[in-house]
Amino acid sequence: MPLVDIEVIEGVFDADQKAQMIQKVTDAMVEVEGENMRGVTWVRVKEVRSGQWGIGGNTPSADDIKAMAAG
């Protein structure tokens, strides 16, 4: 039974977006493993507090990440 962890900065994604991540990652795993594995495929979304995550030597906030995503 697979366990997939997704780590994100707290406050970047809302509950609906996290639910979509779980559904789509589950679907991807089932595509590889087969439908019989759907019920035993675990996906966890873990949130890391802002300032405790580094990208390129910087510690971006949730607002910084949202701005990057907005382009």
C-alpha atoms as a PDB file:
ATOM      1  CA  MET A   1       0.000   0.000   0.000  1.00  0.00           C
ATOM      2  CA  PRO A   2       1.564   3.305  -1.077  1.00  0.00           C
ATOM      3  CA  LEU A   3       1.829   6.402   1.087  1.00  0.00           C
ATOM      4  CA  VAL A   4       2.397   9.704  -0.698  1.00  0.00           C
ATOM      5  CA  ASP A   5       3.258  12.828   1.303  1.00  0.00           C
ATOM      6  CA  ILE A   6       2.794  16.286  -0.199  1.00  0.00           C
ATOM      7  CA  GLU A   7       4.405  19.119   1.757  1.00  0.00           C
ATOM      8  CA  VAL A   8       3.250  22.692   1.184  1.00  0.00           C
ATOM      9  CA  ILE A   9       3.686  26.028   2.920  1.00  0.00           C
ATOM     10  CA  GLU A  10       0.819  26.662   5.312  1.00  0.00           C
ATOM     11  CA  GLY A  11      -1.805  29.072   3.975  1.00  0.00           C
ATOM     12  CA  VAL A  12      -0.978  28.717   0.287  1.00  0.00           C
ATOM     13  CA  PHE A  13      -3.677  26.195  -0.646  1.00  0.00           C
ATOM     14  CA  ASP A  14      -7.285  26.109   0.519  1.00  0.00           C
ATOM     15  CA  ALA A  15      -9.190  22.979   1.546  1.00  0.00           C
ATOM     16  CA  ASP A  16     -10.638  22.430  -1.944  1.00  0.00           C
ATOM     17  CA  GLN A  17      -7.203  22.630  -3.563  1.00  0.00           C
ATOM     18  CA  LYS A  18      -5.768  20.154  -1.066  1.00  0.00           C
ATOM     19  CA  ALA A  19      -8.679  17.792  -1.730  1.00  0.00           C
ATOM     20  CA  GLN A  20      -7.929  18.050  -5.470  1.00  0.00           C
ATOM     21  CA  MET A  21      -4.285  17.188  -4.810  1.00  0.00           C
ATOM     22  CA  ILE A  22      -5.325  14.102  -2.866  1.00  0.00           C
ATOM     23  CA  GLN A  23      -7.773  12.986  -5.560  1.00  0.00           C
ATOM     24  CA  LYS A  24      -5.409  13.558  -8.477  1.00  0.00           C
ATOM     25  CA  VAL A  25      -2.403  11.925  -6.811  1.00  0.00           C
ATOM     26  CA  THR A  26      -4.588   8.952  -5.868  1.00  0.00           C
ATOM     27  CA  ASP A  27      -5.787   8.718  -9.476  1.00  0.00           C
ATOM     28  CA  ALA A  28      -2.172   8.827 -10.723  1.00  0.00           C
ATOM     29  CA  MET A  29      -1.127   6.028  -8.360  1.00  0.00           C
ATOM     30  CA  VAL A  30      -4.133   3.923  -9.372  1.00  0.00           C
ATOM     31  CA  GLU A  31      -3.223   4.453 -13.035  1.00  0.00           C
ATOM     32  CA  VAL A  32       0.157   2.839 -12.306  1.00  0.00           C
ATOM     33  CA  GLU A  33      -0.923   0.217  -9.770  1.00  0.00           C
ATOM     34  CA  GLY A  34      -4.435  -0.674 -10.869  1.00  0.00           C
ATOM     35  CA  GLU A  35      -7.903   0.097  -9.543  1.00  0.00           C
ATOM     36  CA  ASN A  36      -7.682  -2.542  -6.807  1.00  0.00           C
ATOM     37  CA  MET A  37      -5.151  -0.327  -5.020  1.00  0.00           C
ATOM     38  CA  ARG A  38      -7.419   2.756  -4.752  1.00  0.00           C
ATOM     39  CA  GLY A  39      -8.750   1.793  -1.326  1.00  0.00           C
ATOM     40  CA  VAL A  40      -5.289   1.356   0.155  1.00  0.00           C
ATOM     41  CA  THR A  41      -3.546   4.359  -1.423  1.00  0.00           C
ATOM     42  CA  TRP A  42      -2.797   6.957   1.233  1.00  0.00           C
ATOM     43  CA  VAL A  43      -2.110  10.595   0.399  1.00  0.00           C
ATOM     44  CA  ARG A  44      -1.280  13.157   3.093  1.00  0.00           C
ATOM     45  CA  VAL A  45      -0.975  16.915   2.671  1.00  0.00           C
ATOM     46  CA  LYS A  46       1.364  18.305   5.305  1.00  0.00           C
ATOM     47  CA  GLU A  47       1.651  22.020   5.915  1.00  0.00           C
ATOM     48  CA  VAL A  48       4.939  23.600   6.965  1.00  0.00           C
ATOM     49  CA  ARG A  49       4.820  26.959   8.726  1.00  0.00           C
ATOM     50  CA  SER A  50       5.934  29.995   6.782  1.00  0.00           C
ATOM     51  CA  GLY A  51       9.596  30.758   7.444  1.00  0.00           C
ATOM     52  CA  GLN A  52      10.471  27.094   7.956  1.00  0.00           C
ATOM     53  CA  TRP A  53      10.811  26.314   4.272  1.00  0.00           C
ATOM     54  CA  GLY A  54      13.664  27.514   2.109  1.00  0.00           C
ATOM     55  CA  ILE A  55      13.822  28.067  -1.625  1.00  0.00           C
ATOM     56  CA  GLY A  56      17.082  29.278  -3.131  1.00  0.00           C
ATOM     57  CA  GLY A  57      18.372  30.287   0.291  1.00  0.00           C
ATOM     58  CA  ASN A  58      15.281  32.390   1.044  1.00  0.00           C
ATOM     59  CA  THR A  59      12.340  31.685   3.356  1.00  0.00           C
ATOM     60  CA  PRO A  60       9.270  32.792   1.393  1.00  0.00           C
ATOM     61  CA  SER A  61       5.938  33.460   3.081  1.00  0.00           C
ATOM     62  CA  ALA A  62       2.598  32.102   1.904  1.00  0.00           C
ATOM     63  CA  ASP A  63       1.959  35.501   0.270  1.00  0.00           C
ATOM     64  CA  ASP A  64       5.293  35.289  -1.572  1.00  0.00           C
ATOM     65  CA  ILE A  65       4.351  31.872  -2.965  1.00  0.00           C
ATOM     66  CA  LYS A  66       0.903  33.084  -4.014  1.00  0.00           C
ATOM     67  CA  ALA A  67       2.541  36.026  -5.813  1.00  0.00           C
ATOM     68  CA  MET A  68       4.928  33.664  -7.612  1.00  0.00           C
ATOM     69  CA  ALA A  69       2.007  31.482  -8.708  1.00  0.00           C
ATOM     70  CA  ALA A  70       0.106  34.525 -10.002  1.00  0.00           C
ATOM     71  CA  GLY A  71       3.042  35.172 -12.269  1.00  0.00           C
END
